[in-house]
Amino acid sequence: MTGLRGRWLPLTVLVASAAGLIASIVWTAGGDSPSWRPGPGMMTGALSRAGPVHNLADADRAAGRFGDRWGLHVGEVMRFSNGYYAELLDSGGSGATEVLVDSRSGTVRLEFGPAMMWNTAYGMMPVGARPGTETIGPDRTVRIADRWLSEHRPGLHAAEPDRFPGYYTLHTLLRDDHVVGMLSVNAGTGQVWYHNWHGRFLQMQRHADNT
């Protein structure tokens, strides 16, 4: 019986995955409320592997190709010990979403955490803030982030926030303003989500028109 269960397990996982995909398509195409639904394709796809990413320029190009499918372009690119991060902006220069670039394969995918769960335009399963209920402004966001850091990451403080649909993302800084990492604050609930998947910060760049 144990062997039989083992043979059926992959099929069970496949069926569950297919059911989840169907549910997401139904939600996107046939939601009850025309005023809000997950954004273009919900950005669940990962770009096919383009080969190793050696530097910020490579990561910028990889993220740019990913964003092109939704009419988005790259703003900021950061290199961490666990890979690369990039923010994607819309045609007006506003924050759209955040992605991760795998340094070994060049694969680009939606970032874990807030970009998946809080983004009300491009997320997979948006929760929390909705258009019209984003009651937390930039100044309060910094205060919330600083209070959280004082309790959980003493010695760090928050930089100015970058706004995305439904939430903000902020760099975390040492006292000399050197970047250490990142966290996000939900624009409707004030919940904080620290980006603990990046590893050690190494370097960053912004496009000239986004500085």
N, C-alpha and C. Protein backbone atom coordinates (compact mmCIF):
# COMPACT_ATOMS: atom_id res chain seq x y z
N MET A 1 0.83 -1.21 0.00
CA MET A 1 0.00 0.00 0.00
C MET A 1 0.86 1.25 0.00
N THR A 2 1.98 1.20 0.74
CA THR A 2 2.87 2.37 0.78
C THR A 2 3.41 2.69 -0.59
N GLY A 3 3.80 1.62 -1.35
CA GLY A 3 4.32 1.84 -2.70
C GLY A 3 3.27 2.43 -3.61
N LEU A 4 2.00 1.99 -3.47
CA LEU A 4 0.91 2.52 -4.29
C LEU A 4 0.70 3.99 -4.02
N ARG A 5 0.70 4.36 -2.73
CA ARG A 5 0.54 5.78 -2.40
C ARG A 5 1.66 6.59 -2.99
N GLY A 6 2.89 6.05 -2.97
CA GLY A 6 4.02 6.78 -3.51
C GLY A 6 3.88 7.03 -5.00
N ARG A 7 3.30 6.03 -5.73
CA ARG A 7 3.13 6.21 -7.18
C ARG A 7 2.04 7.22 -7.50
N TRP A 8 1.03 7.31 -6.62
CA TRP A 8 -0.08 8.24 -6.87
C TRP A 8 0.23 9.67 -6.45
N LEU A 9 1.23 9.87 -5.61
CA LEU A 9 1.49 11.21 -5.08
C LEU A 9 1.79 12.23 -6.17
N PRO A 10 2.65 11.93 -7.17
CA PRO A 10 2.90 12.94 -8.23
C PRO A 10 1.63 13.32 -8.96
N LEU A 11 0.73 12.31 -9.24
CA LEU A 11 -0.52 12.61 -9.93
C LEU A 11 -1.40 13.52 -9.09
N THR A 12 -1.43 13.27 -7.78
CA THR A 12 -2.23 14.12 -6.88
C THR A 12 -1.75 15.55 -6.89
N VAL A 13 -0.44 15.72 -6.86
CA VAL A 13 0.14 17.07 -6.90
C VAL A 13 -0.19 17.76 -8.21
N LEU A 14 -0.10 17.01 -9.33
CA LEU A 14 -0.39 17.58 -10.64
C LEU A 14 -1.83 18.04 -10.73
N VAL A 15 -2.76 17.21 -10.24
CA VAL A 15 -4.18 17.57 -10.27
C VAL A 15 -4.43 18.81 -9.42
N ALA A 16 -3.82 18.87 -8.25
CA ALA A 16 -4.00 20.05 -7.38
C ALA A 16 -3.48 21.29 -8.05
N SER A 17 -2.34 21.18 -8.73
CA SER A 17 -1.76 22.34 -9.41
C SER A 17 -2.66 22.81 -10.54
N ALA A 18 -3.20 21.85 -11.30
CA ALA A 18 -4.10 22.20 -12.40
C ALA A 18 -5.36 22.89 -11.87
N ALA A 19 -5.88 22.39 -10.75
CA ALA A 19 -7.07 23.01 -10.16
C ALA A 19 -6.79 24.44 -9.75
N GLY A 20 -5.59 24.67 -9.18
CA GLY A 20 -5.24 26.03 -8.79
C GLY A 20 -5.14 26.95 -9.98
N LEU A 21 -4.58 26.44 -11.10
CA LEU A 21 -4.47 27.25 -12.30
C LEU A 21 -5.83 27.59 -12.85
N ILE A 22 -6.74 26.59 -12.91
CA ILE A 22 -8.08 26.85 -13.40
C ILE A 22 -8.79 27.89 -12.54
N ALA A 23 -8.65 27.76 -11.22
CA ALA A 23 -9.29 28.72 -10.32
C ALA A 23 -8.79 30.13 -10.58
N SER A 24 -7.47 30.27 -10.83
CA SER A 24 -6.92 31.61 -11.06
C SER A 24 -7.44 32.19 -12.36
N ILE A 25 -7.62 31.32 -13.41
CA ILE A 25 -8.14 31.81 -14.68
C ILE A 25 -9.58 32.28 -14.51
N VAL A 26 -10.37 31.50 -13.77
CA VAL A 26 -11.77 31.87 -13.54
C VAL A 26 -11.84 33.20 -12.80
N TRP A 27 -10.99 33.36 -11.78
CA TRP A 27 -11.01 34.61 -11.01
C TRP A 27 -10.65 35.80 -11.88
N THR A 28 -9.66 35.62 -12.75
CA THR A 28 -9.22 36.72 -13.60
C THR A 28 -10.28 37.08 -14.63
N ALA A 29 -10.86 36.06 -15.24
CA ALA A 29 -11.75 36.32 -16.37
C ALA A 29 -13.19 36.56 -15.95
N GLY A 30 -13.61 36.04 -14.78
CA GLY A 30 -15.02 36.11 -14.46
C GLY A 30 -15.34 36.58 -13.07
N GLY A 31 -14.48 37.45 -12.52
CA GLY A 31 -14.74 37.95 -11.18
C GLY A 31 -16.03 38.73 -11.10
N ASP A 32 -16.67 38.73 -9.93
CA ASP A 32 -17.96 39.41 -9.77
C ASP A 32 -17.83 40.91 -9.83
N SER A 33 -16.69 41.44 -9.39
CA SER A 33 -16.56 42.89 -9.31
C SER A 33 -15.76 43.43 -10.49
N PRO A 34 -16.37 44.25 -11.37
CA PRO A 34 -15.64 44.79 -12.51
C PRO A 34 -14.67 45.89 -12.11
N SER A 35 -14.76 46.37 -10.88
CA SER A 35 -13.93 47.49 -10.45
C SER A 35 -12.54 47.06 -10.02
N TRP A 36 -12.36 45.77 -9.73
CA TRP A 36 -11.03 45.31 -9.33
C TRP A 36 -10.88 43.83 -9.62
N ARG A 37 -9.70 43.48 -10.16
CA ARG A 37 -9.33 42.09 -10.33
C ARG A 37 -7.82 42.05 -10.49
N PRO A 38 -7.18 40.88 -10.29
CA PRO A 38 -5.75 40.79 -10.47
C PRO A 38 -5.35 41.28 -11.85
N GLY A 39 -4.14 41.82 -11.96
CA GLY A 39 -3.69 42.51 -13.15
C GLY A 39 -3.34 41.60 -14.31
N PRO A 40 -2.66 42.16 -15.33
CA PRO A 40 -2.40 41.47 -16.58
C PRO A 40 -1.72 40.12 -16.38
N GLY A 41 -2.47 39.03 -16.61
CA GLY A 41 -1.90 37.71 -16.51
C GLY A 41 -1.47 37.34 -15.11
N MET A 42 -1.70 38.21 -14.16
CA MET A 42 -1.30 38.05 -12.76
C MET A 42 0.21 37.81 -12.63
N MET A 43 0.97 37.99 -13.73
CA MET A 43 2.42 37.90 -13.71
C MET A 43 2.93 36.65 -13.01
N THR A 44 2.32 35.51 -13.27
CA THR A 44 2.75 34.29 -12.61
C THR A 44 3.84 33.56 -13.38
N GLY A 45 4.03 33.90 -14.65
CA GLY A 45 4.99 33.19 -15.47
C GLY A 45 6.42 33.60 -15.19
N ALA A 46 7.34 32.67 -15.41
CA ALA A 46 8.76 32.97 -15.30
C ALA A 46 9.37 32.97 -16.69
N LEU A 47 10.22 33.94 -16.98
CA LEU A 47 10.86 34.02 -18.27
C LEU A 47 11.80 32.84 -18.45
N SER A 48 11.86 32.30 -19.66
CA SER A 48 12.73 31.16 -19.90
C SER A 48 14.18 31.52 -19.61
N ARG A 49 14.94 30.52 -19.23
CA ARG A 49 16.32 30.75 -18.81
C ARG A 49 17.13 31.38 -19.94
N ALA A 50 17.85 32.44 -19.61
CA ALA A 50 18.63 33.16 -20.61
C ALA A 50 20.12 32.99 -20.40
N GLY A 51 20.53 32.17 -19.44
CA GLY A 51 21.94 31.97 -19.16
C GLY A 51 22.37 32.75 -17.93
N PRO A 52 23.57 32.49 -17.45
CA PRO A 52 24.07 33.13 -16.22
C PRO A 52 24.03 34.65 -16.29
N VAL A 53 23.73 35.27 -15.15
CA VAL A 53 23.73 36.73 -15.01
C VAL A 53 24.99 37.10 -14.22
N HIS A 54 25.86 37.87 -14.85
CA HIS A 54 27.16 38.16 -14.26
C HIS A 54 27.24 39.51 -13.55
N ASN A 55 26.34 40.43 -13.89
CA ASN A 55 26.44 41.78 -13.34
C ASN A 55 25.08 42.48 -13.39
N LEU A 56 25.05 43.72 -12.92
CA LEU A 56 23.81 44.48 -12.89
C LEU A 56 23.24 44.72 -14.29
N ALA A 57 24.12 44.91 -15.27
CA ALA A 57 23.66 45.15 -16.63
C ALA A 57 22.93 43.92 -17.18
N ASP A 58 23.47 42.73 -16.92
CA ASP A 58 22.81 41.50 -17.35
C ASP A 58 21.44 41.37 -16.68
N ALA A 59 21.39 41.64 -15.38
CA ALA A 59 20.13 41.54 -14.64
C ALA A 59 19.12 42.56 -15.16
N ASP A 60 19.58 43.75 -15.48
CA ASP A 60 18.72 44.79 -16.03
C ASP A 60 18.08 44.33 -17.33
N ARG A 61 18.88 43.75 -18.22
CA ARG A 61 18.35 43.28 -19.50
C ARG A 61 17.36 42.14 -19.31
N ALA A 62 17.68 41.21 -18.41
CA ALA A 62 16.77 40.09 -18.17
C ALA A 62 15.43 40.57 -17.62
N ALA A 63 15.47 41.46 -16.63
CA ALA A 63 14.23 42.00 -16.05
C ALA A 63 13.47 42.82 -17.08
N GLY A 64 14.19 43.53 -17.94
CA GLY A 64 13.55 44.33 -18.98
C GLY A 64 12.77 43.46 -19.96
N ARG A 65 13.36 42.32 -20.34
CA ARG A 65 12.65 41.41 -21.25
C ARG A 65 11.38 40.87 -20.59
N PHE A 66 11.46 40.58 -19.30
CA PHE A 66 10.28 40.12 -18.57
C PHE A 66 9.21 41.21 -18.55
N GLY A 67 9.60 42.43 -18.25
CA GLY A 67 8.64 43.53 -18.16
C GLY A 67 8.03 43.92 -19.48
N ASP A 68 8.75 43.69 -20.58
CA ASP A 68 8.25 44.07 -21.90
C ASP A 68 6.89 43.45 -22.20
N ARG A 69 6.62 42.28 -21.66
CA ARG A 69 5.36 41.59 -21.95
C ARG A 69 4.16 42.33 -21.37
N TRP A 70 4.40 43.18 -20.37
CA TRP A 70 3.32 43.96 -19.76
C TRP A 70 3.48 45.46 -19.98
N GLY A 71 4.40 45.83 -20.87
CA GLY A 71 4.62 47.24 -21.13
C GLY A 71 5.31 47.96 -19.99
N LEU A 72 6.12 47.24 -19.22
CA LEU A 72 6.83 47.80 -18.07
C LEU A 72 8.32 47.92 -18.38
N HIS A 73 8.98 48.82 -17.66
CA HIS A 73 10.43 48.97 -17.83
C HIS A 73 11.12 48.97 -16.47
N VAL A 74 12.42 48.77 -16.48
CA VAL A 74 13.19 48.62 -15.25
C VAL A 74 13.53 49.98 -14.65
N GLY A 75 13.37 50.08 -13.32
CA GLY A 75 13.79 51.26 -12.60
C GLY A 75 15.09 50.99 -11.87
N GLU A 76 14.99 50.35 -10.73
CA GLU A 76 16.14 50.05 -9.88
C GLU A 76 16.53 48.58 -10.01
N VAL A 77 17.83 48.31 -10.00
CA VAL A 77 18.35 46.95 -9.98
C VAL A 77 19.32 46.83 -8.82
N MET A 78 19.21 45.73 -8.06
CA MET A 78 20.07 45.51 -6.90
C MET A 78 20.68 44.11 -6.97
N ARG A 79 21.91 44.02 -6.51
CA ARG A 79 22.57 42.72 -6.45
C ARG A 79 22.74 42.31 -4.99
N PHE A 80 22.30 41.10 -4.68
CA PHE A 80 22.45 40.52 -3.35
C PHE A 80 23.22 39.20 -3.47
N SER A 81 23.64 38.67 -2.35
CA SER A 81 24.40 37.42 -2.37
C SER A 81 23.56 36.25 -2.87
N ASN A 82 22.23 36.36 -2.78
CA ASN A 82 21.35 35.28 -3.25
C ASN A 82 20.78 35.52 -4.64
N GLY A 83 21.19 36.59 -5.31
CA GLY A 83 20.69 36.87 -6.65
C GLY A 83 20.39 38.34 -6.84
N TYR A 84 19.62 38.64 -7.88
CA TYR A 84 19.34 40.03 -8.25
C TYR A 84 17.86 40.37 -8.03
N TYR A 85 17.63 41.65 -7.77
CA TYR A 85 16.29 42.20 -7.59
C TYR A 85 16.12 43.35 -8.56
N ALA A 86 14.91 43.53 -9.10
CA ALA A 86 14.63 44.70 -9.95
C ALA A 86 13.20 45.18 -9.70
N GLU A 87 13.03 46.49 -9.74
CA GLU A 87 11.68 47.05 -9.70
C GLU A 87 11.27 47.36 -11.13
N LEU A 88 10.00 47.09 -11.43
CA LEU A 88 9.45 47.39 -12.74
C LEU A 88 8.48 48.55 -12.63
N LEU A 89 8.59 49.49 -13.57
CA LEU A 89 7.77 50.70 -13.57
C LEU A 89 6.84 50.70 -14.77
N ASP A 90 5.71 51.39 -14.62
CA ASP A 90 4.80 51.52 -15.76
C ASP A 90 5.25 52.66 -16.66
N SER A 91 4.47 52.92 -17.71
CA SER A 91 4.88 53.93 -18.69
C SER A 91 4.97 55.33 -18.11
N GLY A 92 4.27 55.57 -16.99
CA GLY A 92 4.32 56.88 -16.34
C GLY A 92 5.40 56.99 -15.29
N GLY A 93 6.17 55.92 -15.08
CA GLY A 93 7.25 55.93 -14.11
C GLY A 93 6.85 55.53 -12.71
N SER A 94 5.60 55.09 -12.53
CA SER A 94 5.15 54.64 -11.22
C SER A 94 5.50 53.17 -11.01
N GLY A 95 5.72 52.78 -9.74
CA GLY A 95 6.05 51.41 -9.43
C GLY A 95 4.94 50.46 -9.82
N ALA A 96 5.27 49.39 -10.54
CA ALA A 96 4.29 48.38 -10.94
C ALA A 96 4.44 47.12 -10.09
N THR A 97 5.65 46.55 -10.07
CA THR A 97 5.88 45.35 -9.28
C THR A 97 7.39 45.13 -9.13
N GLU A 98 7.75 44.02 -8.47
CA GLU A 98 9.14 43.71 -8.19
C GLU A 98 9.43 42.27 -8.62
N VAL A 99 10.63 42.05 -9.16
CA VAL A 99 10.99 40.72 -9.64
C VAL A 99 12.36 40.30 -9.13
N LEU A 100 12.61 39.00 -9.19
CA LEU A 100 13.90 38.43 -8.84
C LEU A 100 14.53 37.82 -10.08
N VAL A 101 15.84 37.94 -10.19
CA VAL A 101 16.59 37.37 -11.32
C VAL A 101 17.60 36.38 -10.76
N ASP A 102 17.50 35.13 -11.18
CA ASP A 102 18.42 34.10 -10.72
C ASP A 102 19.77 34.27 -11.41
N SER A 103 20.82 34.37 -10.62
CA SER A 103 22.14 34.66 -11.19
C SER A 103 22.70 33.49 -11.99
N ARG A 104 22.30 32.26 -11.67
CA ARG A 104 22.85 31.10 -12.37
C ARG A 104 22.15 30.81 -13.69
N SER A 105 20.83 30.97 -13.73
CA SER A 105 20.08 30.62 -14.93
C SER A 105 19.56 31.81 -15.71
N GLY A 106 19.47 32.98 -15.07
CA GLY A 106 18.88 34.14 -15.72
C GLY A 106 17.37 34.15 -15.66
N THR A 107 16.76 33.18 -14.98
CA THR A 107 15.31 33.13 -14.87
C THR A 107 14.79 34.33 -14.08
N VAL A 108 13.73 34.96 -14.60
CA VAL A 108 13.10 36.11 -13.94
C VAL A 108 11.71 35.70 -13.49
N ARG A 109 11.38 35.99 -12.24
CA ARG A 109 10.05 35.66 -11.74
C ARG A 109 9.60 36.73 -10.75
N LEU A 110 8.30 36.78 -10.51
CA LEU A 110 7.74 37.70 -9.54
C LEU A 110 8.39 37.47 -8.18
N GLU A 111 8.71 38.55 -7.47
CA GLU A 111 9.35 38.41 -6.17
C GLU A 111 8.43 37.74 -5.16
N PHE A 112 9.02 37.02 -4.21
CA PHE A 112 8.26 36.43 -3.13
C PHE A 112 7.59 37.53 -2.29
N GLY A 113 6.62 37.15 -1.49
CA GLY A 113 6.07 38.06 -0.49
C GLY A 113 5.13 39.10 -1.04
N PRO A 114 5.37 40.37 -0.73
CA PRO A 114 4.43 41.44 -1.07
C PRO A 114 4.08 41.54 -2.55
N ALA A 115 5.06 41.35 -3.45
CA ALA A 115 4.77 41.45 -4.88
C ALA A 115 3.77 40.39 -5.32
N MET A 116 3.79 39.25 -4.66
CA MET A 116 2.82 38.19 -4.96
C MET A 116 1.50 38.39 -4.22
N MET A 117 1.59 38.72 -2.93
CA MET A 117 0.42 38.64 -2.07
C MET A 117 -0.30 39.97 -1.83
N TRP A 118 0.40 41.09 -1.98
CA TRP A 118 -0.21 42.39 -1.70
C TRP A 118 -0.45 43.24 -2.94
N ASN A 119 0.22 42.95 -4.03
CA ASN A 119 0.11 43.81 -5.21
C ASN A 119 -1.28 43.67 -5.82
N THR A 120 -2.04 44.76 -5.84
CA THR A 120 -3.43 44.72 -6.27
C THR A 120 -3.59 44.84 -7.78
N ALA A 121 -2.48 44.97 -8.52
CA ALA A 121 -2.55 45.04 -9.97
C ALA A 121 -1.86 43.89 -10.65
N TYR A 122 -0.72 43.41 -10.08
CA TYR A 122 0.07 42.39 -10.75
C TYR A 122 0.32 41.16 -9.88
N GLY A 123 -0.32 41.06 -8.72
CA GLY A 123 -0.06 39.96 -7.81
C GLY A 123 -0.81 38.69 -8.16
N MET A 124 -0.41 37.60 -7.50
CA MET A 124 -1.05 36.31 -7.70
C MET A 124 -2.35 36.18 -6.92
N MET A 125 -2.30 36.52 -5.63
CA MET A 125 -3.47 36.42 -4.77
C MET A 125 -3.57 37.68 -3.92
N PRO A 126 -3.89 38.82 -4.53
CA PRO A 126 -3.89 40.08 -3.78
C PRO A 126 -4.83 40.05 -2.59
N VAL A 127 -4.33 40.52 -1.43
CA VAL A 127 -5.13 40.62 -0.22
C VAL A 127 -4.80 41.94 0.45
N GLY A 128 -5.59 42.34 1.41
CA GLY A 128 -5.29 43.55 2.16
C GLY A 128 -5.83 44.78 1.44
N ALA A 129 -4.94 45.67 1.03
CA ALA A 129 -5.35 46.93 0.43
C ALA A 129 -6.02 46.72 -0.92
N ARG A 130 -7.04 47.49 -1.19
CA ARG A 130 -7.70 47.53 -2.49
C ARG A 130 -7.76 48.99 -2.93
N PRO A 131 -7.90 49.24 -4.24
CA PRO A 131 -8.05 50.62 -4.67
C PRO A 131 -9.14 51.32 -3.89
N GLY A 132 -8.83 52.49 -3.36
CA GLY A 132 -9.78 53.24 -2.56
C GLY A 132 -9.66 53.00 -1.08
N THR A 133 -8.89 51.97 -0.67
CA THR A 133 -8.74 51.68 0.76
C THR A 133 -7.29 51.80 1.21
N GLU A 134 -6.42 52.35 0.36
CA GLU A 134 -5.02 52.51 0.72
C GLU A 134 -4.87 53.79 1.55
N THR A 135 -5.07 53.65 2.83
CA THR A 135 -5.18 54.81 3.72
C THR A 135 -3.85 55.26 4.29
N ILE A 136 -2.80 54.49 4.09
CA ILE A 136 -1.50 54.81 4.70
C ILE A 136 -0.63 55.53 3.67
N GLY A 137 -0.21 56.74 4.01
CA GLY A 137 0.62 57.54 3.13
C GLY A 137 2.10 57.30 3.34
N PRO A 138 2.95 57.92 2.53
CA PRO A 138 4.40 57.70 2.61
C PRO A 138 5.01 58.03 3.97
N ASP A 139 4.63 59.16 4.57
CA ASP A 139 5.23 59.55 5.86
C ASP A 139 4.90 58.53 6.95
N ARG A 140 3.65 58.12 7.00
CA ARG A 140 3.25 57.13 8.01
C ARG A 140 3.93 55.79 7.73
N THR A 141 4.12 55.48 6.47
CA THR A 141 4.81 54.24 6.10
C THR A 141 6.21 54.20 6.70
N VAL A 142 6.94 55.31 6.60
CA VAL A 142 8.29 55.37 7.16
C VAL A 142 8.25 55.19 8.67
N ARG A 143 7.28 55.80 9.33
CA ARG A 143 7.18 55.65 10.79
C ARG A 143 6.89 54.21 11.17
N ILE A 144 6.00 53.57 10.42
CA ILE A 144 5.69 52.16 10.70
C ILE A 144 6.94 51.31 10.50
N ALA A 145 7.65 51.55 9.41
CA ALA A 145 8.86 50.77 9.13
C ALA A 145 9.92 50.99 10.20
N ASP A 146 10.12 52.24 10.60
CA ASP A 146 11.13 52.53 11.62
C ASP A 146 10.78 51.89 12.96
N ARG A 147 9.50 51.91 13.31
CA ARG A 147 9.09 51.28 14.56
C ARG A 147 9.33 49.77 14.51
N TRP A 148 9.02 49.15 13.38
CA TRP A 148 9.24 47.71 13.25
C TRP A 148 10.74 47.40 13.32
N LEU A 149 11.55 48.20 12.64
CA LEU A 149 13.00 47.97 12.65
C LEU A 149 13.59 48.14 14.05
N SER A 150 13.10 49.12 14.79
CA SER A 150 13.63 49.33 16.14
C SER A 150 13.37 48.13 17.04
N GLU A 151 12.28 47.40 16.76
CA GLU A 151 11.93 46.23 17.56
C GLU A 151 12.59 44.95 17.06
N HIS A 152 12.77 44.84 15.74
CA HIS A 152 13.22 43.57 15.17
C HIS A 152 14.60 43.62 14.52
N ARG A 153 15.05 44.80 14.11
CA ARG A 153 16.38 44.96 13.51
C ARG A 153 17.03 46.22 14.08
N PRO A 154 17.35 46.21 15.37
CA PRO A 154 17.92 47.41 16.00
C PRO A 154 19.17 47.90 15.26
N GLY A 155 19.28 49.22 15.15
CA GLY A 155 20.41 49.80 14.44
C GLY A 155 20.12 50.14 12.99
N LEU A 156 18.96 49.72 12.50
CA LEU A 156 18.58 50.03 11.12
C LEU A 156 17.44 51.04 11.11
N HIS A 157 17.34 51.79 10.02
CA HIS A 157 16.20 52.68 9.81
C HIS A 157 15.77 52.60 8.36
N ALA A 158 14.61 53.16 8.04
CA ALA A 158 14.03 53.03 6.72
C ALA A 158 14.33 54.23 5.84
N ALA A 159 14.53 53.97 4.56
CA ALA A 159 14.68 55.04 3.56
C ALA A 159 13.31 55.49 3.09
N GLU A 160 13.28 56.41 2.13
CA GLU A 160 12.01 56.86 1.56
C GLU A 160 11.34 55.69 0.84
N PRO A 161 10.02 55.60 0.89
CA PRO A 161 9.34 54.45 0.30
C PRO A 161 9.12 54.58 -1.20
N ASP A 162 9.18 53.44 -1.89
CA ASP A 162 8.75 53.34 -3.29
C ASP A 162 7.37 52.72 -3.28
N ARG A 163 6.44 53.35 -3.97
CA ARG A 163 5.05 52.88 -3.93
C ARG A 163 4.75 51.90 -5.06
N PHE A 164 4.07 50.83 -4.71
CA PHE A 164 3.57 49.86 -5.66
C PHE A 164 2.07 49.68 -5.41
N PRO A 165 1.32 49.10 -6.32
CA PRO A 165 -0.12 48.96 -6.11
C PRO A 165 -0.44 48.15 -4.84
N GLY A 166 -0.95 48.82 -3.81
CA GLY A 166 -1.34 48.16 -2.58
C GLY A 166 -0.31 48.15 -1.48
N TYR A 167 0.92 48.58 -1.75
CA TYR A 167 1.96 48.53 -0.72
C TYR A 167 3.14 49.42 -1.08
N TYR A 168 4.05 49.56 -0.12
CA TYR A 168 5.29 50.30 -0.31
C TYR A 168 6.47 49.37 -0.04
N THR A 169 7.59 49.62 -0.72
CA THR A 169 8.84 48.94 -0.40
C THR A 169 9.89 49.98 -0.05
N LEU A 170 10.66 49.70 1.00
CA LEU A 170 11.66 50.65 1.50
C LEU A 170 12.99 49.93 1.69
N HIS A 171 14.09 50.61 1.39
CA HIS A 171 15.40 50.09 1.74
C HIS A 171 15.59 50.21 3.25
N THR A 172 16.28 49.27 3.82
CA THR A 172 16.68 49.39 5.22
C THR A 172 18.15 49.82 5.26
N LEU A 173 18.45 50.76 6.14
CA LEU A 173 19.75 51.43 6.13
C LEU A 173 20.43 51.35 7.49
N LEU A 174 21.76 51.34 7.46
CA LEU A 174 22.55 51.55 8.67
C LEU A 174 22.54 53.03 9.03
N ARG A 175 23.13 53.36 10.17
CA ARG A 175 23.15 54.76 10.60
C ARG A 175 23.87 55.67 9.61
N ASP A 176 24.85 55.10 8.85
CA ASP A 176 25.56 55.90 7.85
C ASP A 176 24.84 55.88 6.49
N ASP A 177 23.61 55.38 6.48
CA ASP A 177 22.74 55.32 5.31
C ASP A 177 23.20 54.32 4.25
N HIS A 178 24.07 53.40 4.60
CA HIS A 178 24.40 52.31 3.69
C HIS A 178 23.25 51.30 3.67
N VAL A 179 22.92 50.83 2.47
CA VAL A 179 21.81 49.88 2.32
C VAL A 179 22.18 48.53 2.91
N VAL A 180 21.22 47.94 3.62
CA VAL A 180 21.39 46.60 4.18
C VAL A 180 20.43 45.62 3.53
N GLY A 181 19.17 46.03 3.41
CA GLY A 181 18.17 45.13 2.86
C GLY A 181 16.92 45.90 2.49
N MET A 182 15.75 45.23 2.59
CA MET A 182 14.49 45.84 2.19
C MET A 182 13.35 45.30 3.06
N LEU A 183 12.30 46.11 3.15
CA LEU A 183 11.05 45.64 3.72
C LEU A 183 9.89 46.32 3.01
N SER A 184 8.69 45.77 3.18
CA SER A 184 7.50 46.35 2.57
C SER A 184 6.44 46.58 3.63
N VAL A 185 5.58 47.57 3.37
CA VAL A 185 4.48 47.92 4.27
C VAL A 185 3.19 47.93 3.47
N ASN A 186 2.19 47.20 3.93
CA ASN A 186 0.89 47.16 3.28
C ASN A 186 0.21 48.52 3.41
N ALA A 187 -0.25 49.09 2.30
CA ALA A 187 -0.83 50.43 2.30
C ALA A 187 -2.22 50.50 2.90
N GLY A 188 -2.83 49.35 3.15
CA GLY A 188 -4.16 49.34 3.76
C GLY A 188 -4.16 48.93 5.21
N THR A 189 -3.26 48.00 5.56
CA THR A 189 -3.28 47.43 6.92
C THR A 189 -2.09 47.87 7.77
N GLY A 190 -1.00 48.32 7.14
CA GLY A 190 0.20 48.67 7.89
C GLY A 190 1.06 47.47 8.25
N GLN A 191 0.71 46.29 7.77
CA GLN A 191 1.50 45.11 8.05
C GLN A 191 2.87 45.24 7.40
N VAL A 192 3.90 44.75 8.09
CA VAL A 192 5.29 44.82 7.61
C VAL A 192 5.74 43.44 7.17
N TRP A 193 6.42 43.39 6.05
CA TRP A 193 6.97 42.14 5.52
C TRP A 193 8.44 42.37 5.19
N TYR A 194 9.35 41.79 5.97
CA TYR A 194 10.78 41.97 5.74
C TYR A 194 11.25 41.00 4.65
N HIS A 195 12.07 41.50 3.73
CA HIS A 195 12.56 40.67 2.62
C HIS A 195 13.79 39.88 3.09
N ASN A 196 13.55 38.74 3.71
CA ASN A 196 14.66 37.98 4.29
C ASN A 196 15.27 36.97 3.32
N TRP A 197 14.87 37.00 2.06
CA TRP A 197 15.34 36.03 1.07
C TRP A 197 16.51 36.54 0.24
N HIS A 198 16.86 37.82 0.35
CA HIS A 198 17.87 38.38 -0.54
C HIS A 198 19.30 37.97 -0.19
N GLY A 199 19.58 37.83 1.07
CA GLY A 199 20.96 37.64 1.49
C GLY A 199 21.64 38.99 1.69
N ARG A 200 22.95 39.02 1.54
CA ARG A 200 23.74 40.23 1.82
C ARG A 200 23.69 41.18 0.62
N PHE A 201 23.45 42.47 0.90
CA PHE A 201 23.43 43.48 -0.17
C PHE A 201 24.84 43.71 -0.69
N LEU A 202 24.96 43.83 -2.04
CA LEU A 202 26.26 44.05 -2.65
C LEU A 202 26.35 45.36 -3.42
N GLN A 203 25.41 45.63 -4.31
CA GLN A 203 25.47 46.87 -5.10
C GLN A 203 24.12 47.14 -5.75
N MET A 204 23.96 48.35 -6.30
CA MET A 204 22.70 48.71 -6.94
C MET A 204 22.92 49.79 -7.97
N GLN A 205 21.92 49.96 -8.84
CA GLN A 205 21.93 51.05 -9.81
C GLN A 205 20.49 51.45 -10.12
N ARG A 206 20.31 52.70 -10.47
CA ARG A 206 19.02 53.19 -10.94
C ARG A 206 19.22 53.78 -12.33
N HIS A 207 18.21 53.65 -13.16
CA HIS A 207 18.27 54.29 -14.47
C HIS A 207 18.28 55.80 -14.28
N ALA A 208 18.92 56.48 -15.17
CA ALA A 208 19.11 57.93 -15.03
C ALA A 208 17.79 58.67 -14.94
N ASP A 209 16.76 58.19 -15.65
CA ASP A 209 15.48 58.90 -15.63
C ASP A 209 14.62 58.55 -14.43
N ASN A 210 15.15 57.69 -13.51
CA ASN A 210 14.39 57.31 -12.31
C ASN A 210 15.07 57.77 -11.04
N THR A 211 16.14 58.54 -11.12
CA THR A 211 16.84 59.00 -9.93
C THR A 211 16.16 60.22 -9.36
